[in-house]
Amino acid sequence: MVYEAVAFQALCDQLKCKEIWVVGADKWRNPDEDLPQDFEARRMENYRELRKPLNPAVFVNELREQMTAELSLLNDKMPKLFWLDIAERKSGAIRLTAAEAQPEPRNLRRIKGEVRRRWGIVPLIDMLKDAVLRTGCLDAVTSVSGGGASRRRCWPNGC
């Protein structure tokens, strides 16, 4: 049973990064089908539209320079952040100070009033749950622990 679960997890991971594909599928299809069929013939034009160099070494060097510059900037700015503390400790190396409470958004009271007028005192968590189930947005979220997957609920007009 554990082996099957691990095998399905590996299959899922490989599908997401297109290491493997499903024949006849659209979303999980062969990555070679993602490129235009005339890509090789129009390679220079395609790279020009993407604003990327044809030479991979030039591309990698530009990317490396950009990453080095951004990491240096982060390294320079981090010690000056009053709300950030980085130190060796058992509870975790990074500690953030609590942010000050932000002022209430201008229209929040009007939105709450309109929700109360339309739906009465339905708990907002129930509305959020129904919206999540109806839109299927949980399909894009995975559990940190790898378990506790939620079951999809079907509605009269479809899942």
N, C-alpha and C. Protein backbone atom coordinates (compact mmCIF):
# COMPACT_ATOMS: atom_id res chain seq x y z
N MET A 1 0.82 -1.19 0.00
CA MET A 1 0.00 0.00 0.00
C MET A 1 0.87 1.26 0.00
N VAL A 2 1.88 1.28 0.85
CA VAL A 2 2.78 2.44 0.91
C VAL A 2 3.51 2.60 -0.42
N TYR A 3 3.95 1.48 -1.00
CA TYR A 3 4.66 1.54 -2.28
C TYR A 3 3.77 2.17 -3.35
N GLU A 4 2.48 1.79 -3.38
CA GLU A 4 1.57 2.35 -4.38
C GLU A 4 1.40 3.85 -4.18
N ALA A 5 1.28 4.27 -2.94
CA ALA A 5 1.13 5.69 -2.66
C ALA A 5 2.36 6.47 -3.11
N VAL A 6 3.54 5.93 -2.83
CA VAL A 6 4.78 6.59 -3.24
C VAL A 6 4.90 6.60 -4.76
N ALA A 7 4.50 5.51 -5.41
CA ALA A 7 4.55 5.44 -6.87
C ALA A 7 3.63 6.49 -7.49
N PHE A 8 2.42 6.64 -6.95
CA PHE A 8 1.50 7.65 -7.47
C PHE A 8 2.01 9.06 -7.21
N GLN A 9 2.64 9.30 -6.07
CA GLN A 9 3.21 10.61 -5.79
C GLN A 9 4.33 10.93 -6.78
N ALA A 10 5.19 9.95 -7.06
CA ALA A 10 6.27 10.14 -8.02
C ALA A 10 5.71 10.40 -9.41
N LEU A 11 4.66 9.66 -9.78
CA LEU A 11 4.02 9.87 -11.08
C LEU A 11 3.46 11.28 -11.18
N CYS A 12 2.81 11.73 -10.12
CA CYS A 12 2.24 13.08 -10.09
C CYS A 12 3.34 14.13 -10.25
N ASP A 13 4.44 13.97 -9.53
CA ASP A 13 5.56 14.92 -9.62
C ASP A 13 6.15 14.95 -11.02
N GLN A 14 6.31 13.78 -11.61
CA GLN A 14 6.90 13.71 -12.95
C GLN A 14 5.97 14.28 -14.01
N LEU A 15 4.66 14.11 -13.83
CA LEU A 15 3.71 14.70 -14.76
C LEU A 15 3.78 16.22 -14.71
N LYS A 16 3.90 16.77 -13.51
CA LYS A 16 3.91 18.21 -13.34
C LYS A 16 5.09 18.86 -14.05
N CYS A 17 6.25 18.21 -14.07
CA CYS A 17 7.41 18.81 -14.72
C CYS A 17 7.66 18.18 -16.09
N LYS A 18 6.68 17.41 -16.59
CA LYS A 18 6.70 16.81 -17.92
C LYS A 18 7.89 15.90 -18.15
N GLU A 19 8.35 15.21 -17.08
CA GLU A 19 9.36 14.18 -17.27
C GLU A 19 8.74 12.98 -17.98
N ILE A 20 7.46 12.79 -17.76
CA ILE A 20 6.69 11.78 -18.49
C ILE A 20 5.43 12.47 -18.98
N TRP A 21 4.73 11.87 -19.93
CA TRP A 21 3.52 12.47 -20.43
C TRP A 21 2.50 11.39 -20.74
N VAL A 22 1.27 11.85 -20.97
CA VAL A 22 0.15 10.95 -21.22
C VAL A 22 -0.24 11.11 -22.68
N VAL A 23 -0.21 10.00 -23.41
CA VAL A 23 -0.57 10.02 -24.83
C VAL A 23 -2.03 10.42 -24.96
N GLY A 24 -2.30 11.40 -25.83
CA GLY A 24 -3.66 11.84 -26.07
C GLY A 24 -4.15 12.91 -25.11
N ALA A 25 -3.39 13.22 -24.08
CA ALA A 25 -3.82 14.24 -23.12
C ALA A 25 -3.43 15.61 -23.64
N ASP A 26 -4.11 16.64 -23.17
CA ASP A 26 -3.76 17.99 -23.57
C ASP A 26 -2.84 18.62 -22.55
N LYS A 27 -3.26 18.62 -21.29
CA LYS A 27 -2.46 19.28 -20.25
C LYS A 27 -1.15 18.53 -20.00
N TRP A 28 -1.18 17.20 -20.01
CA TRP A 28 0.00 16.40 -19.67
C TRP A 28 0.60 15.77 -20.93
N ARG A 29 0.55 16.48 -22.03
CA ARG A 29 1.01 15.92 -23.30
C ARG A 29 2.53 15.99 -23.43
N ASN A 30 3.00 15.42 -24.52
CA ASN A 30 4.41 15.41 -24.86
C ASN A 30 4.89 16.87 -24.96
N PRO A 31 5.95 17.24 -24.22
CA PRO A 31 6.40 18.64 -24.26
C PRO A 31 6.85 19.09 -25.64
N ASP A 32 7.24 18.16 -26.52
CA ASP A 32 7.62 18.55 -27.87
C ASP A 32 6.44 19.16 -28.62
N GLU A 33 5.21 18.82 -28.22
CA GLU A 33 4.02 19.37 -28.87
C GLU A 33 3.70 20.78 -28.38
N ASP A 34 4.38 21.24 -27.32
CA ASP A 34 4.14 22.58 -26.80
C ASP A 34 4.74 23.66 -27.69
N LEU A 35 5.81 23.33 -28.38
CA LEU A 35 6.46 24.30 -29.27
C LEU A 35 5.73 24.34 -30.61
N PRO A 36 5.74 25.49 -31.28
CA PRO A 36 5.18 25.54 -32.63
C PRO A 36 5.92 24.55 -33.54
N GLN A 37 5.22 23.98 -34.49
CA GLN A 37 5.81 22.97 -35.36
C GLN A 37 6.96 23.53 -36.21
N ASP A 38 6.94 24.81 -36.48
CA ASP A 38 8.01 25.42 -37.29
C ASP A 38 9.05 26.13 -36.41
N PHE A 39 9.18 25.71 -35.16
CA PHE A 39 10.08 26.41 -34.24
C PHE A 39 11.52 26.40 -34.75
N GLU A 40 12.01 25.26 -35.18
CA GLU A 40 13.41 25.18 -35.65
C GLU A 40 13.64 26.06 -36.87
N ALA A 41 12.69 26.07 -37.79
CA ALA A 41 12.85 26.88 -39.00
C ALA A 41 12.83 28.37 -38.66
N ARG A 42 12.10 28.77 -37.61
CA ARG A 42 11.98 30.17 -37.24
C ARG A 42 12.67 30.46 -35.91
N ARG A 43 13.71 29.69 -35.60
CA ARG A 43 14.39 29.79 -34.31
C ARG A 43 14.85 31.22 -34.02
N MET A 44 15.53 31.88 -34.95
CA MET A 44 16.05 33.22 -34.71
C MET A 44 14.92 34.21 -34.43
N GLU A 45 13.84 34.12 -35.20
CA GLU A 45 12.69 35.01 -35.01
C GLU A 45 12.04 34.75 -33.64
N ASN A 46 11.90 33.47 -33.26
CA ASN A 46 11.29 33.13 -31.98
C ASN A 46 12.12 33.65 -30.81
N TYR A 47 13.44 33.47 -30.88
CA TYR A 47 14.31 33.96 -29.81
C TYR A 47 14.28 35.48 -29.75
N ARG A 48 14.19 36.14 -30.90
CA ARG A 48 14.13 37.61 -30.93
C ARG A 48 12.83 38.08 -30.25
N GLU A 49 11.71 37.39 -30.52
CA GLU A 49 10.44 37.75 -29.87
C GLU A 49 10.51 37.54 -28.36
N LEU A 50 11.21 36.50 -27.94
CA LEU A 50 11.38 36.23 -26.50
C LEU A 50 12.44 37.13 -25.87
N ARG A 51 13.17 37.86 -26.71
CA ARG A 51 14.28 38.71 -26.26
C ARG A 51 15.32 37.90 -25.49
N LYS A 52 15.68 36.74 -26.05
CA LYS A 52 16.69 35.87 -25.44
C LYS A 52 17.78 35.61 -26.46
N PRO A 53 19.03 35.48 -25.99
CA PRO A 53 20.13 35.22 -26.92
C PRO A 53 20.07 33.78 -27.44
N LEU A 54 20.57 33.59 -28.66
CA LEU A 54 20.63 32.25 -29.25
C LEU A 54 21.66 31.38 -28.55
N ASN A 55 22.74 31.99 -28.10
CA ASN A 55 23.84 31.24 -27.46
C ASN A 55 23.46 30.93 -26.01
N PRO A 56 23.37 29.64 -25.63
CA PRO A 56 23.00 29.30 -24.26
C PRO A 56 23.99 29.80 -23.22
N ALA A 57 25.27 29.88 -23.57
CA ALA A 57 26.27 30.37 -22.61
C ALA A 57 26.02 31.83 -22.27
N VAL A 58 25.65 32.63 -23.26
CA VAL A 58 25.33 34.04 -23.02
C VAL A 58 24.10 34.14 -22.12
N PHE A 59 23.09 33.32 -22.39
CA PHE A 59 21.87 33.32 -21.58
C PHE A 59 22.18 32.97 -20.12
N VAL A 60 22.97 31.92 -19.90
CA VAL A 60 23.32 31.49 -18.54
C VAL A 60 24.14 32.55 -17.83
N ASN A 61 25.09 33.16 -18.54
CA ASN A 61 25.92 34.20 -17.93
C ASN A 61 25.10 35.42 -17.53
N GLU A 62 24.15 35.83 -18.40
CA GLU A 62 23.28 36.96 -18.06
C GLU A 62 22.44 36.63 -16.83
N LEU A 63 21.91 35.43 -16.80
CA LEU A 63 21.09 35.01 -15.67
C LEU A 63 21.92 34.94 -14.39
N ARG A 64 23.14 34.42 -14.49
CA ARG A 64 24.04 34.34 -13.33
C ARG A 64 24.39 35.73 -12.81
N GLU A 65 24.67 36.65 -13.71
CA GLU A 65 24.98 38.03 -13.30
C GLU A 65 23.79 38.68 -12.61
N GLN A 66 22.60 38.48 -13.15
CA GLN A 66 21.39 39.05 -12.55
C GLN A 66 21.16 38.45 -11.16
N MET A 67 21.30 37.14 -11.02
CA MET A 67 21.11 36.50 -9.72
C MET A 67 22.15 36.97 -8.71
N THR A 68 23.40 37.10 -9.13
CA THR A 68 24.46 37.56 -8.24
C THR A 68 24.18 38.99 -7.76
N ALA A 69 23.75 39.84 -8.68
CA ALA A 69 23.46 41.23 -8.31
C ALA A 69 22.30 41.29 -7.32
N GLU A 70 21.24 40.52 -7.57
CA GLU A 70 20.07 40.54 -6.68
C GLU A 70 20.40 39.94 -5.32
N LEU A 71 21.17 38.86 -5.28
CA LEU A 71 21.56 38.25 -4.00
C LEU A 71 22.48 39.18 -3.21
N SER A 72 23.36 39.90 -3.90
CA SER A 72 24.23 40.88 -3.22
C SER A 72 23.40 42.00 -2.62
N LEU A 73 22.42 42.47 -3.37
CA LEU A 73 21.53 43.51 -2.87
C LEU A 73 20.76 43.02 -1.64
N LEU A 74 20.25 41.80 -1.69
CA LEU A 74 19.56 41.21 -0.54
C LEU A 74 20.49 41.11 0.65
N ASN A 75 21.70 40.64 0.41
CA ASN A 75 22.68 40.49 1.48
C ASN A 75 23.03 41.84 2.11
N ASP A 76 23.09 42.88 1.31
CA ASP A 76 23.40 44.22 1.83
C ASP A 76 22.24 44.80 2.62
N LYS A 77 21.02 44.55 2.20
CA LYS A 77 19.84 45.15 2.83
C LYS A 77 19.39 44.41 4.07
N MET A 78 19.63 43.10 4.14
CA MET A 78 19.10 42.29 5.24
C MET A 78 19.51 42.75 6.63
N PRO A 79 20.78 43.08 6.88
CA PRO A 79 21.14 43.52 8.24
C PRO A 79 20.46 44.81 8.67
N LYS A 80 19.97 45.60 7.72
CA LYS A 80 19.36 46.88 8.03
C LYS A 80 17.86 46.78 8.30
N LEU A 81 17.28 45.60 8.14
CA LEU A 81 15.85 45.44 8.35
C LEU A 81 15.56 45.27 9.83
N PHE A 82 14.88 46.24 10.42
CA PHE A 82 14.63 46.20 11.87
C PHE A 82 13.67 45.08 12.26
N TRP A 83 12.85 44.61 11.35
CA TRP A 83 11.84 43.60 11.67
C TRP A 83 12.34 42.18 11.44
N LEU A 84 13.62 42.03 11.07
CA LEU A 84 14.19 40.71 10.76
C LEU A 84 15.39 40.45 11.65
N ASP A 85 15.42 39.24 12.23
CA ASP A 85 16.56 38.83 13.06
C ASP A 85 16.96 37.43 12.62
N ILE A 86 18.21 37.28 12.23
CA ILE A 86 18.72 35.97 11.81
C ILE A 86 19.83 35.58 12.77
N ALA A 87 19.66 34.43 13.44
CA ALA A 87 20.64 33.96 14.41
C ALA A 87 20.47 32.46 14.59
N GLU A 88 21.53 31.82 15.06
CA GLU A 88 21.45 30.38 15.36
C GLU A 88 20.63 30.17 16.62
N ARG A 89 19.54 29.46 16.50
CA ARG A 89 18.72 29.12 17.67
C ARG A 89 17.90 27.88 17.34
N LYS A 90 17.51 27.16 18.39
CA LYS A 90 16.75 25.92 18.19
C LYS A 90 15.37 26.18 17.61
N SER A 91 14.77 27.31 17.94
CA SER A 91 13.41 27.60 17.48
C SER A 91 13.35 28.05 16.03
N GLY A 92 14.48 28.18 15.39
CA GLY A 92 14.53 28.61 13.99
C GLY A 92 15.47 29.77 13.81
N ALA A 93 16.16 29.80 12.71
CA ALA A 93 17.18 30.82 12.49
C ALA A 93 16.59 32.18 12.16
N ILE A 94 15.41 32.21 11.58
CA ILE A 94 14.83 33.48 11.15
C ILE A 94 13.68 33.84 12.07
N ARG A 95 13.69 35.07 12.59
CA ARG A 95 12.62 35.55 13.44
C ARG A 95 12.15 36.91 12.90
N LEU A 96 10.85 37.04 12.71
CA LEU A 96 10.27 38.29 12.26
C LEU A 96 9.51 38.92 13.41
N THR A 97 9.65 40.21 13.57
CA THR A 97 8.87 40.88 14.60
C THR A 97 7.45 41.05 14.09
N ALA A 98 6.50 41.08 15.01
CA ALA A 98 5.10 41.22 14.63
C ALA A 98 4.87 42.56 13.95
N ALA A 99 4.10 42.53 12.89
CA ALA A 99 3.79 43.77 12.17
C ALA A 99 2.71 44.53 12.92
N GLU A 100 2.73 45.84 12.79
CA GLU A 100 1.70 46.66 13.40
C GLU A 100 0.38 46.44 12.67
N ALA A 101 -0.71 46.56 13.41
CA ALA A 101 -2.04 46.39 12.81
C ALA A 101 -2.26 47.48 11.76
N GLN A 102 -2.75 47.06 10.61
CA GLN A 102 -3.03 48.00 9.53
C GLN A 102 -4.42 48.60 9.73
N PRO A 103 -4.65 49.79 9.23
CA PRO A 103 -5.99 50.36 9.33
C PRO A 103 -6.98 49.53 8.51
N GLU A 104 -8.22 49.50 8.96
CA GLU A 104 -9.25 48.74 8.26
C GLU A 104 -9.47 49.34 6.88
N PRO A 105 -9.55 48.51 5.83
CA PRO A 105 -9.80 49.04 4.48
C PRO A 105 -11.10 49.85 4.44
N ARG A 106 -11.13 50.87 3.62
CA ARG A 106 -12.25 51.81 3.57
C ARG A 106 -13.59 51.12 3.30
N ASN A 107 -13.63 50.18 2.40
CA ASN A 107 -14.91 49.59 1.98
C ASN A 107 -15.26 48.31 2.73
N LEU A 108 -14.44 47.89 3.68
CA LEU A 108 -14.69 46.61 4.35
C LEU A 108 -16.03 46.60 5.08
N ARG A 109 -16.38 47.67 5.78
CA ARG A 109 -17.66 47.73 6.49
C ARG A 109 -18.84 47.65 5.52
N ARG A 110 -18.71 48.32 4.37
CA ARG A 110 -19.79 48.26 3.37
C ARG A 110 -19.91 46.86 2.80
N ILE A 111 -18.79 46.19 2.56
CA ILE A 111 -18.83 44.82 2.04
C ILE A 111 -19.47 43.90 3.07
N LYS A 112 -19.06 44.03 4.32
CA LYS A 112 -19.66 43.20 5.38
C LYS A 112 -21.16 43.45 5.48
N GLY A 113 -21.56 44.70 5.40
CA GLY A 113 -22.98 45.03 5.46
C GLY A 113 -23.75 44.41 4.31
N GLU A 114 -23.18 44.46 3.11
CA GLU A 114 -23.84 43.88 1.94
C GLU A 114 -23.94 42.37 2.05
N VAL A 115 -22.88 41.72 2.55
CA VAL A 115 -22.92 40.27 2.77
C VAL A 115 -24.01 39.94 3.77
N ARG A 116 -24.08 40.68 4.86
CA ARG A 116 -25.10 40.45 5.89
C ARG A 116 -26.50 40.66 5.32
N ARG A 117 -26.67 41.71 4.49
CA ARG A 117 -27.97 41.99 3.89
C ARG A 117 -28.42 40.87 2.95
N ARG A 118 -27.47 40.37 2.11
CA ARG A 118 -27.82 39.34 1.13
C ARG A 118 -28.00 37.96 1.74
N TRP A 119 -27.11 37.58 2.64
CA TRP A 119 -27.09 36.20 3.12
C TRP A 119 -27.35 36.06 4.61
N GLY A 120 -27.62 37.12 5.29
CA GLY A 120 -27.88 37.03 6.71
C GLY A 120 -26.59 36.72 7.46
N ILE A 121 -26.70 35.94 8.51
CA ILE A 121 -25.53 35.64 9.32
C ILE A 121 -24.99 34.26 9.02
N VAL A 122 -24.78 33.98 7.74
CA VAL A 122 -24.10 32.75 7.33
C VAL A 122 -22.62 32.94 7.65
N PRO A 123 -22.03 31.99 8.39
CA PRO A 123 -20.60 32.15 8.68
C PRO A 123 -19.79 32.26 7.39
N LEU A 124 -18.91 33.25 7.34
CA LEU A 124 -18.11 33.46 6.14
C LEU A 124 -17.24 32.26 5.80
N ILE A 125 -16.85 31.47 6.82
CA ILE A 125 -16.02 30.29 6.55
C ILE A 125 -16.80 29.30 5.69
N ASP A 126 -18.14 29.20 5.90
CA ASP A 126 -18.95 28.32 5.07
C ASP A 126 -19.01 28.81 3.63
N MET A 127 -19.09 30.14 3.46
CA MET A 127 -19.10 30.70 2.11
C MET A 127 -17.76 30.45 1.42
N LEU A 128 -16.68 30.62 2.18
CA LEU A 128 -15.36 30.37 1.62
C LEU A 128 -15.21 28.90 1.22
N LYS A 129 -15.66 28.00 2.10
CA LYS A 129 -15.58 26.57 1.81
C LYS A 129 -16.35 26.23 0.53
N ASP A 130 -17.57 26.76 0.40
CA ASP A 130 -18.36 26.49 -0.81
C ASP A 130 -17.68 27.05 -2.05
N ALA A 131 -17.10 28.25 -1.95
CA ALA A 131 -16.40 28.83 -3.10
C ALA A 131 -15.21 27.97 -3.49
N VAL A 132 -14.48 27.49 -2.49
CA VAL A 132 -13.31 26.63 -2.76
C VAL A 132 -13.75 25.34 -3.43
N LEU A 133 -14.80 24.73 -2.93
CA LEU A 133 -15.27 23.47 -3.51
C LEU A 133 -15.82 23.66 -4.92
N ARG A 134 -16.53 24.75 -5.14
CA ARG A 134 -17.11 24.98 -6.47
C ARG A 134 -16.07 25.33 -7.52
N THR A 135 -15.04 26.06 -7.13
CA THR A 135 -14.03 26.48 -8.11
C THR A 135 -12.96 25.42 -8.34
N GLY A 136 -12.80 24.48 -7.39
CA GLY A 136 -11.77 23.45 -7.54
C GLY A 136 -10.38 23.97 -7.28
N CYS A 137 -10.24 25.10 -6.60
CA CYS A 137 -8.90 25.66 -6.39
C CYS A 137 -8.05 24.80 -5.46
N LEU A 138 -8.66 23.88 -4.70
CA LEU A 138 -7.86 23.00 -3.85
C LEU A 138 -7.03 22.02 -4.66
N ASP A 139 -7.41 21.81 -5.93
CA ASP A 139 -6.64 20.90 -6.77
C ASP A 139 -5.22 21.41 -6.98
N ALA A 140 -5.01 22.71 -6.83
CA ALA A 140 -3.69 23.30 -7.04
C ALA A 140 -2.87 23.35 -5.76
N VAL A 141 -3.43 22.88 -4.64
CA VAL A 141 -2.75 22.97 -3.35
C VAL A 141 -2.45 21.56 -2.86
N THR A 142 -1.25 21.36 -2.37
CA THR A 142 -0.90 20.06 -1.79
C THR A 142 -0.60 20.25 -0.32
N SER A 143 -0.80 19.19 0.44
CA SER A 143 -0.56 19.23 1.87
C SER A 143 0.94 19.17 2.14
N VAL A 144 1.38 19.89 3.13
CA VAL A 144 2.79 19.87 3.51
C VAL A 144 3.17 18.48 4.02
N SER A 145 2.25 17.85 4.75
CA SER A 145 2.54 16.54 5.32
C SER A 145 2.34 15.41 4.32
N GLY A 146 1.75 15.72 3.16
CA GLY A 146 1.53 14.69 2.15
C GLY A 146 0.25 13.91 2.38
N GLY A 147 -0.51 14.23 3.40
CA GLY A 147 -1.76 13.53 3.68
C GLY A 147 -2.89 14.51 3.82
N GLY A 148 -4.03 13.99 4.22
CA GLY A 148 -5.17 14.84 4.48
C GLY A 148 -5.78 15.47 3.26
N ALA A 149 -5.80 14.74 2.14
CA ALA A 149 -6.39 15.28 0.94
C ALA A 149 -7.90 15.44 1.14
N SER A 150 -8.44 16.54 0.65
CA SER A 150 -9.87 16.76 0.82
C SER A 150 -10.63 16.13 -0.34
N ARG A 151 -11.80 15.58 -0.02
CA ARG A 151 -12.65 14.99 -1.05
C ARG A 151 -13.40 16.11 -1.75
N ARG A 152 -13.54 15.97 -3.05
CA ARG A 152 -14.33 16.94 -3.80
C ARG A 152 -15.79 16.63 -3.63
N ARG A 153 -16.59 17.62 -3.46
CA ARG A 153 -18.02 17.46 -3.31
C ARG A 153 -18.69 17.79 -4.61
N CYS A 154 -19.59 16.95 -5.07
CA CYS A 154 -20.29 17.21 -6.32
C CYS A 154 -21.57 17.96 -6.06
N TRP A 155 -21.89 18.89 -6.93
CA TRP A 155 -23.10 19.69 -6.84
C TRP A 155 -24.10 19.18 -7.84
N PRO A 156 -25.36 19.53 -7.72
CA PRO A 156 -26.38 19.07 -8.66
C PRO A 156 -26.07 19.42 -10.11
N ASN A 157 -25.43 20.55 -10.33
CA ASN A 157 -25.12 20.97 -11.71
C ASN A 157 -23.72 20.55 -12.14
N GLY A 158 -23.10 19.60 -11.46
CA GLY A 158 -21.79 19.10 -11.83
C GLY A 158 -20.80 19.26 -10.71
N CYS A 159 -19.59 18.73 -10.90
CA CYS A 159 -18.55 18.78 -9.86
C CYS A 159 -17.76 20.05 -9.97
